[in-house]
Structure formats: structure tokens, C-alpha cells
Protein backbone atom coordinates (compact mmCIF):
# COMPACT_ATOMS: atom_id res chain seq x y z
CA MET A 1 -12.80 6.57 -6.69
CA ILE A 2 -9.96 4.20 -7.54
CA LYS A 3 -7.20 5.81 -9.59
CA LEU A 4 -4.75 3.81 -11.65
CA ILE A 5 -1.32 5.21 -10.98
CA VAL A 6 2.06 4.60 -12.46
CA GLU A 7 3.31 1.34 -11.04
CA VAL A 8 5.57 1.99 -8.08
CA LEU A 9 8.13 -0.73 -7.49
CA ILE A 10 9.90 -0.77 -4.16
CA LYS A 11 12.51 -3.28 -3.13
CA ILE A 12 13.02 -3.56 0.61
CA GLU A 13 16.10 -5.31 1.91
CA MET A 14 15.55 -6.92 5.30
CA GLY A 15 18.59 -9.01 6.06
CA LEU A 16 18.61 -11.63 3.33
CA ILE A 17 14.94 -11.11 2.47
CA MET A 18 14.03 -8.92 -0.51
CA LYS A 19 10.41 -7.82 -0.95
CA GLU A 20 8.97 -6.25 -4.07
CA TYR A 21 5.99 -3.95 -3.56
CA LYS A 22 4.00 -2.82 -6.57
CA VAL A 23 1.36 -0.17 -5.93
CA LEU A 24 -1.22 -1.09 -8.58
CA TYR A 25 -4.06 1.30 -7.66
CA HIS A 26 -4.24 4.30 -5.36
CA ILE A 27 -7.68 4.48 -3.73
CA ALA A 28 -7.42 7.36 -1.25
CA ASP A 29 -5.25 9.47 1.03
CA LEU A 30 -6.58 9.23 4.59
CA CYS A 31 -4.39 11.85 6.27
CA THR A 32 -1.01 13.56 6.20
CA ASP A 33 1.24 13.46 9.27
CA ASN A 34 3.27 16.44 10.49
CA ASN A 35 6.37 14.85 8.91
CA GLY A 36 4.73 14.87 5.46
CA TRP A 37 4.01 11.14 5.33
CA LYS A 38 0.57 10.21 3.96
CA LYS A 39 -1.59 7.35 5.20
CA GLU A 40 -3.04 5.78 2.05
CA ILE A 41 -5.33 2.98 0.94
CA ASN A 42 -3.82 1.19 -2.05
CA VAL A 43 -4.12 -2.06 -3.93
CA VAL A 44 -0.65 -3.60 -3.88
CA GLN A 45 1.11 -6.71 -5.07
CA VAL A 46 3.91 -8.13 -2.93
CA ASN A 47 6.42 -10.54 -4.48
CA ASN A 48 4.10 -11.21 -7.46
CA ARG A 49 1.36 -12.64 -5.22
CA GLU A 50 -2.35 -11.88 -5.55
CA PRO A 51 -3.12 -8.17 -5.12
CA VAL A 52 -4.32 -7.08 -1.66
CA TYR A 53 -5.58 -3.88 -0.07
CA GLU A 54 -3.22 -2.02 2.25
CA ILE A 55 -3.61 0.88 4.63
CA ARG A 56 -0.07 2.17 5.12
CA SER A 57 1.94 5.37 5.60
CA TRP A 58 4.27 6.45 2.79
CA ASN A 59 6.80 9.24 2.39
CA SER A 60 6.24 11.77 -0.40
CA ASP A 61 8.02 9.83 -3.18
CA HIS A 62 6.98 6.32 -2.04
CA SER A 63 10.60 5.32 -1.41
CA GLN A 64 9.88 4.51 2.26
CA MET A 65 6.88 2.96 3.97
CA GLY A 66 5.63 2.60 7.52
CA ASP A 67 3.80 -0.25 9.22
CA GLY A 68 0.47 -1.11 7.68
CA VAL A 69 -2.60 -3.31 7.64
CA THR A 70 -3.19 -5.77 4.79
CA LEU A 71 -6.65 -6.96 3.77
CA THR A 72 -7.61 -9.57 1.20
CA PRO A 73 -10.37 -8.62 -1.26
CA ASN A 74 -12.82 -10.72 0.77
CA GLU A 75 -11.80 -9.01 4.03
CA MET A 76 -12.26 -5.61 2.38
CA ARG A 77 -15.79 -6.59 1.22
CA LEU A 78 -16.64 -7.69 4.77
CA LEU A 79 -15.28 -4.41 6.19
CA LYS A 80 -17.34 -2.36 3.71
CA ASN A 81 -20.51 -4.17 4.87
CA ILE A 82 -20.04 -3.36 8.57
């Protein structure tokens, strides 16, 4: 079930590049690592672009993120049909 959560806005500074991540919907927690980070599936918006699905690890308060996989809505539909 998709849950609408309070919008989480994260600004990541990478050199001169600033990215804004908005977690629009939390879909599921996949697992929790020994360090407390959760691997989640979320619908996110990056820099006000079209929302996409992401599978990514997050710390407990969503202030830090790990590497992830991004899927467009069409790619997610294709994955669901496999």
C-alpha cells in the first residue's frame, strides 16, 4: 500500500551542485541494515522534475541517503509485469 507521508526535503551539496529530493510517497521498507539504515521504495521528485520511483537506503531521520536505483513510472510498470 502506498502511504502519503509528510514531504521530506533534502538538499545535498556536491561541490557546486545542489540537489533537492522530495519524498512524495513512501511505498515500503524492504529491510533494515545492522547500522539502522532502511532500504525503502519511495516516489521522489528531484530538482522539481517528474516524480520517479527509487529504491534507496536512508538513515532513520532521512537526513542522509545511500546509493540507489531510479525507475521511471514506465520502467516500474514493466518490472511489475515480469
